PDB file of N, CA and C in Angstrom:
ATOM      1  N   MET A   1     160.338  69.543 125.712  1.00  0.00           N
ATOM      2  CA  MET A   1     159.502  70.461 126.359  1.00  0.00           C
ATOM      3  C   MET A   1     159.839  72.063 126.194  1.00  0.00           C
ATOM      4  N   LEU A   2     161.409  72.123 126.010  1.00  0.00           N
ATOM      5  CA  LEU A   2     161.841  73.630 125.850  1.00  0.00           C
ATOM      6  C   LEU A   2     161.458  74.039 124.587  1.00  0.00           C
ATOM      7  N   ARG A   3     161.565  73.107 123.381  1.00  0.00           N
ATOM      8  CA  ARG A   3     161.205  73.528 122.142  1.00  0.00           C
ATOM      9  C   ARG A   3     159.781  73.943 122.058  1.00  0.00           C
ATOM     10  N   THR A   4     158.677  73.079 122.665  1.00  0.00           N
ATOM     11  CA  THR A   4     157.465  73.381 122.605  1.00  0.00           C
ATOM     12  C   THR A   4     157.048  74.675 123.538  1.00  0.00           C
ATOM     13  N   LEU A   5     157.625  74.862 124.707  1.00  0.00           N
ATOM     14  CA  LEU A   5     157.564  76.321 125.507  1.00  0.00           C
ATOM     15  C   LEU A   5     158.027  77.314 124.508  1.00  0.00           C
ATOM     16  N   THR A   6     158.865  77.074 123.748  1.00  0.00           N
ATOM     17  CA  THR A   6     159.500  78.309 122.891  1.00  0.00           C
ATOM     18  C   THR A   6     158.523  78.722 121.804  1.00  0.00           C
ATOM     19  N   ILE A   7     157.764  77.481 121.485  1.00  0.00           N
ATOM     20  CA  ILE A   7     156.875  77.628 120.162  1.00  0.00           C
ATOM     21  C   ILE A   7     155.752  78.511 120.536  1.00  0.00           C
ATOM     22  N   LEU A   8     155.226  78.004 121.920  1.00  0.00           N
ATOM     23  CA  LEU A   8     154.105  78.622 122.464  1.00  0.00           C
ATOM     24  C   LEU A   8     154.209  79.973 122.589  1.00  0.00           C
ATOM     25  N   ILE A   9     155.522  80.557 123.239  1.00  0.00           N
ATOM     26  CA  ILE A   9     155.763  81.869 123.754  1.00  0.00           C
ATOM     27  C   ILE A   9     155.897  82.778 122.525  1.00  0.00           C
ATOM     28  N   MET A  10     156.359  82.050 121.559  1.00  0.00           N
ATOM     29  CA  MET A  10     156.850  82.760 120.126  1.00  0.00           C
ATOM     30  C   MET A  10     155.499  83.068 119.418  1.00  0.00           C
ATOM     31  N   CYS A  11     154.557  82.214 119.553  1.00  0.00           N
ATOM     32  CA  CYS A  11     153.221  82.559 118.907  1.00  0.00           C
ATOM     33  C   CYS A  11     152.644  83.697 119.724  1.00  0.00           C
ATOM     34  N   GLN A  12     152.639  83.753 121.015  1.00  0.00           N
ATOM     35  CA  GLN A  12     152.101  84.647 121.726  1.00  0.00           C
ATOM     36  C   GLN A  12     152.688  86.235 121.601  1.00  0.00           C
ATOM     37  N   PHE A  13     154.030  85.886 121.458  1.00  0.00           N
ATOM     38  CA  PHE A  13     154.947  87.164 121.221  1.00  0.00           C
ATOM     39  C   PHE A  13     154.728  87.815 119.611  1.00  0.00           C
ATOM     40  N   ALA A  14     154.477  87.068 118.779  1.00  0.00           N
ATOM     41  CA  ALA A  14     154.227  87.423 117.375  1.00  0.00           C
ATOM     42  C   ALA A  14     152.804  88.120 117.464  1.00  0.00           C
ATOM     43  N   GLY A  15     151.782  87.389 118.127  1.00  0.00           N
ATOM     44  CA  GLY A  15     150.456  88.133 118.085  1.00  0.00           C
ATOM     45  C   GLY A  15     150.573  89.470 118.732  1.00  0.00           C
ATOM     46  N   GLU A  16     151.095  89.537 119.562  1.00  0.00           N
ATOM     47  CA  GLU A  16     151.373  90.788 120.447  1.00  0.00           C
ATOM     48  C   GLU A  16     152.077  91.764 119.538  1.00  0.00           C
ATOM     49  N   VAL A  17     153.075  91.650 118.735  1.00  0.00           N
ATOM     50  CA  VAL A  17     153.885  92.357 117.902  1.00  0.00           C
ATOM     51  C   VAL A  17     152.573  92.808 116.870  1.00  0.00           C
ATOM     52  N   VAL A  18     152.155  91.895 116.170  1.00  0.00           N
ATOM     53  CA  VAL A  18     151.016  92.221 115.030  1.00  0.00           C
ATOM     54  C   VAL A  18     149.990  93.214 115.831  1.00  0.00           C
ATOM     55  N   ALA A  19     149.421  92.804 116.873  1.00  0.00           N
ATOM     56  CA  ALA A  19     148.324  93.593 117.504  1.00  0.00           C
ATOM     57  C   ALA A  19     148.886  95.062 117.872  1.00  0.00           C
ATOM     58  N   ARG A  20     150.058  95.467 118.032  1.00  0.00           N
ATOM     59  CA  ARG A  20     150.563  96.391 118.318  1.00  0.00           C
ATOM     60  C   ARG A  20     151.029  97.136 117.281  1.00  0.00           C
ATOM     61  N   VAL A  21     151.633  96.518 116.362  1.00  0.00           N
ATOM     62  CA  VAL A  21     152.076  97.461 115.111  1.00  0.00           C
ATOM     63  C   VAL A  21     150.762  97.783 114.148  1.00  0.00           C
ATOM     64  N   ALA A  22     150.074  97.062 114.074  1.00  0.00           N
ATOM     65  CA  ALA A  22     148.798  97.121 113.433  1.00  0.00           C
ATOM     66  C   ALA A  22     147.876  98.152 114.049  1.00  0.00           C
ATOM     67  N   GLY A  23     147.599  98.107 115.382  1.00  0.00           N
ATOM     68  CA  GLY A  23     146.831  98.823 116.290  1.00  0.00           C
ATOM     69  C   GLY A  23     145.552  98.413 116.424  1.00  0.00           C
ATOM     70  N   LEU A  24     145.770  97.082 116.316  1.00  0.00           N
ATOM     71  CA  LEU A  24     144.653  96.097 116.312  1.00  0.00           C
ATOM     72  C   LEU A  24     143.828  96.288 117.907  1.00  0.00           C
ATOM     73  N   THR A  25     142.345  96.156 117.983  1.00  0.00           N
ATOM     74  CA  THR A  25     141.948  96.022 119.284  1.00  0.00           C
ATOM     75  C   THR A  25     141.846  94.848 119.925  1.00  0.00           C
ATOM     76  N   MET A  26     142.171  93.740 119.176  1.00  0.00           N
ATOM     77  CA  MET A  26     142.205  92.606 119.486  1.00  0.00           C
ATOM     78  C   MET A  26     143.663  92.281 120.457  1.00  0.00           C
ATOM     79  N   PRO A  27     143.361  91.421 121.535  1.00  0.00           N
ATOM     80  CA  PRO A  27     144.562  91.520 122.066  1.00  0.00           C
ATOM     81  C   PRO A  27     145.435  90.335 121.789  1.00  0.00           C
ATOM     82  N   GLY A  28     146.664  90.610 121.981  1.00  0.00           N
ATOM     83  CA  GLY A  28     147.952  89.968 121.046  1.00  0.00           C
ATOM     84  C   GLY A  28     147.782  88.451 121.532  1.00  0.00           C
ATOM     85  N   PRO A  29     147.572  88.452 122.639  1.00  0.00           N
ATOM     86  CA  PRO A  29     147.540  86.758 123.001  1.00  0.00           C
ATOM     87  C   PRO A  29     146.355  85.798 122.198  1.00  0.00           C
ATOM     88  N   VAL A  30     145.448  86.542 121.796  1.00  0.00           N
ATOM     89  CA  VAL A  30     144.378  85.862 120.896  1.00  0.00           C
ATOM     90  C   VAL A  30     144.955  85.635 119.656  1.00  0.00           C
ATOM     91  N   LEU A  31     145.520  86.750 119.025  1.00  0.00           N
ATOM     92  CA  LEU A  31     146.280  86.621 118.035  1.00  0.00           C
ATOM     93  C   LEU A  31     147.311  85.680 117.793  1.00  0.00           C
ATOM     94  N   GLY A  32     148.019  85.423 118.839  1.00  0.00           N
ATOM     95  CA  GLY A  32     148.687  84.259 118.969  1.00  0.00           C
ATOM     96  C   GLY A  32     148.284  82.858 119.108  1.00  0.00           C
ATOM     97  N   LEU A  33     147.280  83.037 119.717  1.00  0.00           N
ATOM     98  CA  LEU A  33     146.477  81.955 119.879  1.00  0.00           C
ATOM     99  C   LEU A  33     145.945  81.326 118.349  1.00  0.00           C
ATOM    100  N   LEU A  34     145.563  82.262 117.552  1.00  0.00           N
ATOM    101  CA  LEU A  34     144.903  82.131 116.300  1.00  0.00           C
ATOM    102  C   LEU A  34     146.172  81.605 115.626  1.00  0.00           C
ATOM    103  N   LEU A  35     147.431  82.350 115.463  1.00  0.00           N
ATOM    104  CA  LEU A  35     148.834  81.973 114.832  1.00  0.00           C
ATOM    105  C   LEU A  35     149.084  80.395 115.256  1.00  0.00           C
ATOM    106  N   LEU A  36     148.943  80.149 116.524  1.00  0.00           N
ATOM    107  CA  LEU A  36     149.228  78.627 116.816  1.00  0.00           C
ATOM    108  C   LEU A  36     148.209  77.546 116.269  1.00  0.00           C
ATOM    109  N   LEU A  37     146.893  78.252 116.069  1.00  0.00           N
ATOM    110  CA  LEU A  37     145.847  77.473 115.836  1.00  0.00           C
ATOM    111  C   LEU A  37     146.223  76.967 114.300  1.00  0.00           C
ATOM    112  N   GLY A  38     146.778  77.943 113.423  1.00  0.00           N
ATOM    113  CA  GLY A  38     147.058  77.845 112.095  1.00  0.00           C
ATOM    114  C   GLY A  38     148.112  77.194 111.855  1.00  0.00           C
ATOM    115  N   LEU A  39     149.214  77.209 112.751  1.00  0.00           N
ATOM    116  CA  LEU A  39     150.378  76.268 112.566  1.00  0.00           C
ATOM    117  C   LEU A  39     150.190  75.080 112.961  1.00  0.00           C
ATOM    118  N   LEU A  40     149.263  74.677 113.821  1.00  0.00           N
ATOM    119  CA  LEU A  40     148.910  73.220 114.004  1.00  0.00           C
ATOM    120  C   LEU A  40     148.035  72.828 113.145  1.00  0.00           C
ATOM    121  N   ALA A  41     147.240  73.474 112.344  1.00  0.00           N
ATOM    122  CA  ALA A  41     146.295  73.078 111.165  1.00  0.00           C
ATOM    123  C   ALA A  41     147.301  72.921 110.160  1.00  0.00           C
ATOM    124  N   VAL A  42     148.329  73.444 110.040  1.00  0.00           N
ATOM    125  CA  VAL A  42     149.102  73.287 108.653  1.00  0.00           C
ATOM    126  C   VAL A  42     149.928  71.926 109.033  1.00  0.00           C
ATOM    127  N   ARG A  43     150.254  71.470 110.249  1.00  0.00           N
ATOM    128  CA  ARG A  43     151.087  70.470 110.736  1.00  0.00           C
ATOM    129  C   ARG A  43     150.278  69.251 111.198  1.00  0.00           C
ATOM    130  N   GLY A  44     149.237  69.268 110.916  1.00  0.00           N
ATOM    131  CA  GLY A  44     148.176  68.124 110.864  1.00  0.00           C
ATOM    132  C   GLY A  44     148.077  67.920 112.592  1.00  0.00           C
ATOM    133  N   GLY A  45     148.124  68.819 113.333  1.00  0.00           N
ATOM    134  CA  GLY A  45     147.717  68.741 114.773  1.00  0.00           C
ATOM    135  C   GLY A  45     149.044  68.731 115.704  1.00  0.00           C
ATOM    136  N   PRO A  46     149.048  68.717 116.946  1.00  0.00           N
ATOM    137  CA  PRO A  46     149.891  68.779 117.884  1.00  0.00           C
ATOM    138  C   PRO A  46     150.600  67.390 118.056  1.00  0.00           C
ATOM    139  N   ASP A  47     152.018  67.461 117.926  1.00  0.00           N
ATOM    140  CA  ASP A  47     152.583  66.328 118.283  1.00  0.00           C
ATOM    141  C   ASP A  47     152.931  65.782 119.639  1.00  0.00           C
ATOM    142  N   GLU A  48     153.534  64.867 120.009  1.00  0.00           N
ATOM    143  CA  GLU A  48     153.450  64.273 121.328  1.00  0.00           C
ATOM    144  C   GLU A  48     154.065  65.289 122.421  1.00  0.00           C
ATOM    145  N   ALA A  49     155.064  65.914 121.961  1.00  0.00           N
ATOM    146  CA  ALA A  49     155.791  67.034 122.725  1.00  0.00           C
ATOM    147  C   ALA A  49     154.851  68.066 123.193  1.00  0.00           C
ATOM    148  N   MET A  50     154.093  68.540 122.335  1.00  0.00           N
ATOM    149  CA  MET A  50     153.221  69.626 122.297  1.00  0.00           C
ATOM    150  C   MET A  50     152.085  69.164 123.125  1.00  0.00           C
ATOM    151  N   ARG A  51     151.647  68.089 123.008  1.00  0.00           N
ATOM    152  CA  ARG A  51     150.438  67.704 123.749  1.00  0.00           C
ATOM    153  C   ARG A  51     150.956  67.305 125.233  1.00  0.00           C
ATOM    154  N   SER A  52     152.066  67.109 125.609  1.00  0.00           N
ATOM    155  CA  SER A  52     152.324  66.654 126.919  1.00  0.00           C
ATOM    156  C   SER A  52     152.830  68.065 127.458  1.00  0.00           C
ATOM    157  N   THR A  53     153.515  69.101 126.695  1.00  0.00           N
ATOM    158  CA  THR A  53     153.669  70.161 127.496  1.00  0.00           C
ATOM    159  C   THR A  53     152.316  71.124 128.033  1.00  0.00           C
ATOM    160  N   SER A  54     151.307  71.103 126.889  1.00  0.00           N
ATOM    161  CA  SER A  54     150.386  71.808 126.888  1.00  0.00           C
ATOM    162  C   SER A  54     149.065  71.011 128.020  1.00  0.00           C
ATOM    163  N   THR A  55     149.383  69.747 128.201  1.00  0.00           N
ATOM    164  CA  THR A  55     148.631  68.958 129.390  1.00  0.00           C
ATOM    165  C   THR A  55     149.241  69.273 130.433  1.00  0.00           C
ATOM    166  N   GLY A  56     150.673  69.462 130.744  1.00  0.00           N
ATOM    167  CA  GLY A  56     151.054  69.999 132.065  1.00  0.00           C
ATOM    168  C   GLY A  56     150.754  71.320 132.445  1.00  0.00           C
ATOM    169  N   LEU A  57     150.715  72.179 131.156  1.00  0.00           N
ATOM    170  CA  LEU A  57     150.394  73.769 131.683  1.00  0.00           C
ATOM    171  C   LEU A  57     149.217  73.728 131.960  1.00  0.00           C
ATOM    172  N   LEU A  58     148.012  73.101 131.437  1.00  0.00           N
ATOM    173  CA  LEU A  58     146.929  73.058 131.900  1.00  0.00           C
ATOM    174  C   LEU A  58     146.366  72.408 133.348  1.00  0.00           C
ATOM    175  N   ARG A  59     147.359  71.468 133.545  1.00  0.00           N
ATOM    176  CA  ARG A  59     147.199  70.711 134.663  1.00  0.00           C
ATOM    177  C   ARG A  59     147.329  72.008 136.104  1.00  0.00           C
ATOM    178  N   HIS A  60     148.241  72.960 135.586  1.00  0.00           N
ATOM    179  CA  HIS A  60     148.528  74.089 136.839  1.00  0.00           C
ATOM    180  C   HIS A  60     148.129  75.080 136.350  1.00  0.00           C
ATOM    181  N   LEU A  61     146.802  75.164 135.472  1.00  0.00           N
ATOM    182  CA  LEU A  61     146.215  76.363 135.198  1.00  0.00           C
ATOM    183  C   LEU A  61     146.122  77.349 136.453  1.00  0.00           C
ATOM    184  N   SER A  62     145.493  76.579 137.396  1.00  0.00           N
ATOM    185  CA  SER A  62     144.823  77.458 138.658  1.00  0.00           C
ATOM    186  C   SER A  62     146.083  78.135 139.146  1.00  0.00           C
ATOM    187  N   LEU A  63     147.235  77.914 139.073  1.00  0.00           N
ATOM    188  CA  LEU A  63     148.514  79.183 139.520  1.00  0.00           C
ATOM    189  C   LEU A  63     148.177  80.337 138.843  1.00  0.00           C
ATOM    190  N   LEU A  64     147.752  80.214 137.549  1.00  0.00           N
ATOM    191  CA  LEU A  64     147.612  81.714 136.912  1.00  0.00           C
ATOM    192  C   LEU A  64     146.470  82.574 137.486  1.00  0.00           C
ATOM    193  N   PHE A  65     145.819  81.977 138.560  1.00  0.00           N
ATOM    194  CA  PHE A  65     144.736  82.879 138.890  1.00  0.00           C
ATOM    195  C   PHE A  65     145.056  83.650 140.227  1.00  0.00           C
ATOM    196  N   VAL A  66     146.585  83.224 140.775  1.00  0.00           N
ATOM    197  CA  VAL A  66     147.173  83.695 141.961  1.00  0.00           C
ATOM    198  C   VAL A  66     147.099  85.203 141.621  1.00  0.00           C
ATOM    199  N   PRO A  67     147.837  85.849 140.676  1.00  0.00           N
ATOM    200  CA  PRO A  67     147.861  87.295 140.196  1.00  0.00           C
ATOM    201  C   PRO A  67     146.505  87.967 140.360  1.00  0.00           C
ATOM    202  N   ALA A  68     145.523  87.226 139.772  1.00  0.00           N
ATOM    203  CA  ALA A  68     144.360  87.920 139.805  1.00  0.00           C
ATOM    204  C   ALA A  68     143.572  88.216 140.982  1.00  0.00           C
ATOM    205  N   GLY A  69     143.823  87.060 142.045  1.00  0.00           N
ATOM    206  CA  GLY A  69     143.494  87.233 143.364  1.00  0.00           C
ATOM    207  C   GLY A  69     144.293  88.116 144.001  1.00  0.00           C
ATOM    208  N   VAL A  70     145.362  88.224 143.822  1.00  0.00           N
ATOM    209  CA  VAL A  70     146.232  89.298 144.712  1.00  0.00           C
ATOM    210  C   VAL A  70     145.493  90.694 144.175  1.00  0.00           C
ATOM    211  N   GLY A  71     145.277  90.950 142.931  1.00  0.00           N
ATOM    212  CA  GLY A  71     144.782  92.266 142.315  1.00  0.00           C
ATOM    213  C   GLY A  71     143.418  92.241 142.957  1.00  0.00           C
ATOM    214  N   VAL A  72     142.509  91.443 143.374  1.00  0.00           N
ATOM    215  CA  VAL A  72     141.592  91.565 144.094  1.00  0.00           C
ATOM    216  C   VAL A  72     141.725  92.051 145.537  1.00  0.00           C
ATOM    217  N   ILE A  73     142.337  91.432 146.253  1.00  0.00           N
ATOM    218  CA  ILE A  73     142.764  91.648 147.319  1.00  0.00           C
ATOM    219  C   ILE A  73     143.430  93.116 147.538  1.00  0.00           C
ATOM    220  N   THR A  74     144.063  93.602 146.651  1.00  0.00           N
ATOM    221  CA  THR A  74     144.618  94.992 146.805  1.00  0.00           C
ATOM    222  C   THR A  74     143.526  96.185 146.299  1.00  0.00           C
ATOM    223  N   GLN A  75     142.489  95.602 145.913  1.00  0.00           N
ATOM    224  CA  GLN A  75     141.474  96.638 145.221  1.00  0.00           C
ATOM    225  C   GLN A  75     140.287  96.481 146.241  1.00  0.00           C
ATOM    226  N   LEU A  76     140.342  95.928 147.378  1.00  0.00           N
ATOM    227  CA  LEU A  76     139.065  95.825 148.338  1.00  0.00           C
ATOM    228  C   LEU A  76     138.475  97.009 148.914  1.00  0.00           C
ATOM    229  N   ASP A  77     139.199  98.004 149.030  1.00  0.00           N
ATOM    230  CA  ASP A  77     138.499  99.307 149.220  1.00  0.00           C
ATOM    231  C   ASP A  77     137.743  99.955 147.987  1.00  0.00           C
ATOM    232  N   ALA A  78     138.172  99.788 146.910  1.00  0.00           N
ATOM    233  CA  ALA A  78     137.339 100.031 145.643  1.00  0.00           C
ATOM    234  C   ALA A  78     136.144  99.013 145.458  1.00  0.00           C
ATOM    235  N   LEU A  79     136.409  97.766 145.698  1.00  0.00           N
ATOM    236  CA  LEU A  79     135.216  96.768 145.703  1.00  0.00           C
ATOM    237  C   LEU A  79     134.175  97.168 146.742  1.00  0.00           C
ATOM    238  N   GLY A  80     134.693  97.542 147.772  1.00  0.00           N
ATOM    239  CA  GLY A  80     133.716  98.245 148.871  1.00  0.00           C
ATOM    240  C   GLY A  80     132.905  99.097 148.642  1.00  0.00           C
ATOM    241  N   ARG A  81     133.330 100.037 147.777  1.00  0.00           N
ATOM    242  CA  ARG A  81     133.036 101.299 147.510  1.00  0.00           C
ATOM    243  C   ARG A  81     132.013 101.235 146.523  1.00  0.00           C
ATOM    244  N   ASP A  82     132.498 100.353 145.320  1.00  0.00           N
ATOM    245  CA  ASP A  82     131.731 100.124 144.322  1.00  0.00           C
ATOM    246  C   ASP A  82     130.798  98.979 143.995  1.00  0.00           C
ATOM    247  N   TRP A  83     130.620  98.217 145.005  1.00  0.00           N
ATOM    248  CA  TRP A  83     130.245  96.917 144.991  1.00  0.00           C
ATOM    249  C   TRP A  83     128.920  96.609 144.204  1.00  0.00           C
ATOM    250  N   LEU A  84     128.130  97.679 144.154  1.00  0.00           N
ATOM    251  CA  LEU A  84     126.605  97.566 143.476  1.00  0.00           C
ATOM    252  C   LEU A  84     127.078  97.482 142.113  1.00  0.00           C
ATOM    253  N   ALA A  85     127.584  98.708 141.584  1.00  0.00           N
ATOM    254  CA  ALA A  85     128.081  98.685 140.151  1.00  0.00           C
ATOM    255  C   ALA A  85     128.678  97.766 139.480  1.00  0.00           C
ATOM    256  N   ILE A  86     129.655  96.918 140.435  1.00  0.00           N
ATOM    257  CA  ILE A  86     130.554  96.002 140.005  1.00  0.00           C
ATOM    258  C   ILE A  86     129.585  94.624 139.932  1.00  0.00           C
ATOM    259  N   GLY A  87     128.507  94.493 140.862  1.00  0.00           N
ATOM    260  CA  GLY A  87     127.875  93.200 140.938  1.00  0.00           C
ATOM    261  C   GLY A  87     126.937  93.501 139.593  1.00  0.00           C
ATOM    262  N   ILE A  88     126.367  94.682 139.425  1.00  0.00           N
ATOM    263  CA  ILE A  88     125.141  94.813 138.252  1.00  0.00           C
ATOM    264  C   ILE A  88     126.085  94.475 137.042  1.00  0.00           C
ATOM    265  N   ALA A  89     127.161  95.049 136.608  1.00  0.00           N
ATOM    266  CA  ALA A  89     128.034  94.689 135.678  1.00  0.00           C
ATOM    267  C   ALA A  89     128.223  93.307 135.496  1.00  0.00           C
ATOM    268  N   ILE A  90     128.560  92.280 136.294  1.00  0.00           N
ATOM    269  CA  ILE A  90     128.877  91.155 136.427  1.00  0.00           C
ATOM    270  C   ILE A  90     127.468  90.318 135.989  1.00  0.00           C
ATOM    271  N   VAL A  91     126.508  90.656 136.751  1.00  0.00           N
ATOM    272  CA  VAL A  91     125.296  89.774 136.259  1.00  0.00           C
ATOM    273  C   VAL A  91     124.974  90.421 134.934  1.00  0.00           C
ATOM    274  N   VAL A  92     124.781  91.496 134.432  1.00  0.00           N
ATOM    275  CA  VAL A  92     124.404  91.841 133.155  1.00  0.00           C
ATOM    276  C   VAL A  92     125.410  91.259 132.157  1.00  0.00           C
ATOM    277  N   SER A  93     126.408  91.212 132.221  1.00  0.00           N
ATOM    278  CA  SER A  93     127.275  90.856 131.157  1.00  0.00           C
ATOM    279  C   SER A  93     127.442  89.329 131.186  1.00  0.00           C
ATOM    280  N   THR A  94     127.158  88.601 132.280  1.00  0.00           N
ATOM    281  CA  THR A  94     127.017  87.225 132.093  1.00  0.00           C
ATOM    282  C   THR A  94     125.671  86.879 131.360  1.00  0.00           C
ATOM    283  N   VAL A  95     124.535  87.498 131.652  1.00  0.00           N
ATOM    284  CA  VAL A  95     123.530  87.130 131.235  1.00  0.00           C
ATOM    285  C   VAL A  95     123.361  87.679 129.744  1.00  0.00           C
ATOM    286  N   LEU A  96     123.888  88.744 129.231  1.00  0.00           N
ATOM    287  CA  LEU A  96     124.099  88.980 127.842  1.00  0.00           C
ATOM    288  C   LEU A  96     125.188  88.066 127.085  1.00  0.00           C
ATOM    289  N   GLY A  97     126.022  87.587 127.686  1.00  0.00           N
ATOM    290  CA  GLY A  97     127.078  86.570 127.180  1.00  0.00           C
ATOM    291  C   GLY A  97     126.210  85.199 126.958  1.00  0.00           C
ATOM    292  N   LEU A  98     125.559  84.895 127.804  1.00  0.00           N
ATOM    293  CA  LEU A  98     124.902  83.691 127.850  1.00  0.00           C
ATOM    294  C   LEU A  98     123.794  83.812 126.633  1.00  0.00           C
ATOM    295  N   GLY A  99     122.995  84.951 126.506  1.00  0.00           N
ATOM    296  CA  GLY A  99     122.280  85.308 125.528  1.00  0.00           C
ATOM    297  C   GLY A  99     122.608  84.945 124.146  1.00  0.00           C
ATOM    298  N   VAL A 100     123.876  85.700 123.815  1.00  0.00           N
ATOM    299  CA  VAL A 100     124.691  85.843 122.509  1.00  0.00           C
ATOM    300  C   VAL A 100     125.025  84.438 122.186  1.00  0.00           C
ATOM    301  N   THR A 101     125.620  83.576 123.497  1.00  0.00           N
ATOM    302  CA  THR A 101     125.822  82.276 123.056  1.00  0.00           C
ATOM    303  C   THR A 101     124.811  81.324 122.657  1.00  0.00           C
ATOM    304  N   ALA A 102     123.801  81.520 123.122  1.00  0.00           N
ATOM    305  CA  ALA A 102     122.688  80.930 122.945  1.00  0.00           C
ATOM    306  C   ALA A 102     122.034  81.117 121.538  1.00  0.00           C
ATOM    307  N   LEU A 103     122.122  82.410 121.364  1.00  0.00           N
ATOM    308  CA  LEU A 103     121.643  82.576 119.965  1.00  0.00           C
ATOM    309  C   LEU A 103     122.660  82.074 118.628  1.00  0.00           C
ATOM    310  N   VAL A 104     123.893  82.092 119.162  1.00  0.00           N
ATOM    311  CA  VAL A 104     124.616  81.935 117.781  1.00  0.00           C
ATOM    312  C   VAL A 104     124.740  80.253 117.834  1.00  0.00           C
ATOM    313  N   MET A 105     124.508  79.602 118.788  1.00  0.00           N
ATOM    314  CA  MET A 105     124.226  78.027 118.819  1.00  0.00           C
ATOM    315  C   MET A 105     123.249  77.743 118.174  1.00  0.00           C
ATOM    316  N   GLN A 106     121.969  78.513 118.327  1.00  0.00           N
ATOM    317  CA  GLN A 106     120.508  78.132 117.709  1.00  0.00           C
ATOM    318  C   GLN A 106     120.809  78.376 116.130  1.00  0.00           C
ATOM    319  N   ARG A 107     121.753  79.348 115.633  1.00  0.00           N
ATOM    320  CA  ARG A 107     121.882  79.748 114.208  1.00  0.00           C
ATOM    321  C   ARG A 107     122.713  78.751 113.846  1.00  0.00           C
ATOM    322  N   LEU A 108     123.730  78.033 114.414  1.00  0.00           N
ATOM    323  CA  LEU A 108     124.810  77.129 114.112  1.00  0.00           C
ATOM    324  C   LEU A 108     124.400  75.833 113.840  1.00  0.00           C
ATOM    325  N   ILE A 109     123.510  75.297 114.977  1.00  0.00           N
ATOM    326  CA  ILE A 109     122.472  74.272 114.796  1.00  0.00           C
ATOM    327  C   ILE A 109     121.805  73.966 113.753  1.00  0.00           C
ATOM    328  N   ARG A 110     121.201  74.876 112.883  1.00  0.00           N
ATOM    329  CA  ARG A 110     120.284  74.894 111.979  1.00  0.00           C
ATOM    330  C   ARG A 110     121.170  74.745 110.631  1.00  0.00           C
TER     331      ARG A 110
END
Protein backbone atom coordinates (compact mmCIF):
# COMPACT_ATOMS: atom_id res chain seq x y z
CA MET A 1 0.00 0.00 0.00
CA LEU A 2 2.82 2.40 0.83
CA ARG A 3 4.49 1.77 -2.53
CA THR A 4 1.22 2.41 -4.35
CA LEU A 5 0.50 5.61 -2.41
CA THR A 6 4.03 6.76 -3.20
CA ILE A 7 3.44 6.16 -6.91
CA LEU A 8 0.17 8.11 -6.80
CA ILE A 9 1.69 11.04 -4.90
CA MET A 10 4.80 11.12 -7.09
CA CYS A 11 2.67 11.23 -10.26
CA GLN A 12 0.74 14.16 -8.83
CA PHE A 13 3.97 15.86 -7.75
CA ALA A 14 5.55 15.36 -11.18
CA GLY A 15 2.46 16.81 -12.84
CA GLU A 16 2.59 19.82 -10.51
CA VAL A 17 6.27 20.39 -11.25
CA VAL A 18 5.74 20.15 -15.02
CA ALA A 19 2.76 22.52 -14.89
CA ARG A 20 4.65 25.14 -12.89
CA VAL A 21 7.97 24.89 -14.72
CA ALA A 22 6.34 24.96 -18.16
CA GLY A 23 3.85 27.66 -17.12
CA LEU A 24 0.91 25.58 -18.31
CA THR A 25 -2.66 26.54 -17.51
CA MET A 26 -3.60 22.88 -17.00
CA PRO A 27 -3.64 21.92 -13.31
CA GLY A 28 -0.73 19.82 -12.08
CA PRO A 29 -2.94 17.05 -10.68
CA VAL A 30 -4.52 16.60 -14.13
CA LEU A 31 -1.06 16.25 -15.69
CA GLY A 32 -0.17 13.80 -12.93
CA LEU A 33 -3.27 11.80 -13.72
CA LEU A 34 -2.26 11.68 -17.39
CA LEU A 35 1.21 10.57 -16.32
CA LEU A 36 -0.33 7.82 -14.17
CA LEU A 37 -2.54 6.76 -17.09
CA GLY A 38 0.52 6.50 -19.32
CA LEU A 39 2.39 4.55 -16.67
CA LEU A 40 -0.50 2.13 -16.25
CA ALA A 41 -0.85 1.76 -20.03
CA VAL A 42 2.83 0.84 -20.33
CA ARG A 43 2.57 -1.63 -17.44
CA GLY A 44 -0.57 -3.24 -18.86
CA GLY A 45 -2.95 -1.90 -16.24
CA PRO A 46 -2.93 -1.68 -12.47
CA ASP A 47 -1.60 -4.52 -10.35
CA GLU A 48 -3.55 -5.87 -7.39
CA ALA A 49 -1.86 -3.51 -4.91
CA MET A 50 -2.78 -0.47 -7.03
CA ARG A 51 -6.31 -1.77 -7.45
CA SER A 52 -6.89 -2.32 -3.73
CA THR A 53 -5.30 0.98 -2.69
CA SER A 54 -7.24 3.02 -5.23
CA THR A 55 -10.47 1.24 -4.27
CA GLY A 56 -9.82 2.11 -0.63
CA LEU A 57 -9.20 5.75 -1.52
CA LEU A 58 -12.36 5.91 -3.62
CA ARG A 59 -14.37 4.32 -0.84
CA HIS A 60 -13.45 7.26 1.42
CA LEU A 61 -13.59 9.96 -1.25
CA SER A 62 -16.37 11.79 0.57
CA LEU A 63 -13.85 12.84 3.23
CA LEU A 64 -12.15 15.01 0.61
CA PHE A 65 -15.29 17.15 0.40
CA VAL A 66 -14.97 18.24 4.04
CA PRO A 67 -12.48 21.06 3.26
CA ALA A 68 -14.77 22.34 0.49
CA GLY A 69 -17.71 22.32 2.89
CA VAL A 70 -15.70 24.24 5.46
CA GLY A 71 -14.77 26.76 2.77
CA VAL A 72 -18.44 27.26 1.91
CA ILE A 73 -19.33 27.79 5.56
CA THR A 74 -16.57 30.37 6.02
CA GLN A 75 -17.84 32.30 2.99
CA LEU A 76 -21.54 32.42 3.88
CA ASP A 77 -21.54 36.23 3.99
CA ALA A 78 -20.23 36.39 0.40
CA LEU A 79 -22.71 33.72 -0.69
CA GLY A 80 -25.55 35.69 0.88
CA ARG A 81 -24.40 38.89 -0.79
CA ASP A 82 -23.82 37.42 -4.27
CA TRP A 83 -26.31 34.54 -4.31
CA LEU A 84 -27.95 35.58 -7.58
CA ALA A 85 -24.71 35.83 -9.56
CA ILE A 86 -23.46 32.55 -8.09
CA GLY A 87 -26.74 30.80 -8.87
CA ILE A 88 -26.76 32.05 -12.45
CA ALA A 89 -23.12 31.02 -12.92
CA ILE A 90 -23.85 27.52 -11.62
CA VAL A 91 -26.91 27.07 -13.85
CA VAL A 92 -25.27 28.49 -17.00
CA SER A 93 -22.04 26.51 -16.54
CA THR A 94 -24.01 23.31 -15.92
CA VAL A 95 -26.14 23.81 -19.03
CA LEU A 96 -23.08 24.66 -21.15
CA GLY A 97 -21.19 21.65 -19.80
CA LEU A 98 -24.08 19.32 -20.58
CA GLY A 99 -24.45 20.84 -24.04
CA VAL A 100 -20.78 20.46 -24.90
CA THR A 101 -20.81 16.90 -23.57
CA ALA A 102 -23.86 16.07 -25.69
CA LEU A 103 -22.22 17.51 -28.83
CA VAL A 104 -18.99 15.64 -28.21
CA MET A 105 -20.89 12.39 -27.64
CA GLN A 106 -22.87 12.86 -30.85
CA ARG A 107 -19.65 13.31 -32.81
CA LEU A 108 -17.97 10.37 -31.15
CA ILE A 109 -20.91 8.06 -31.74
CA ARG A 110 -20.70 8.70 -35.49
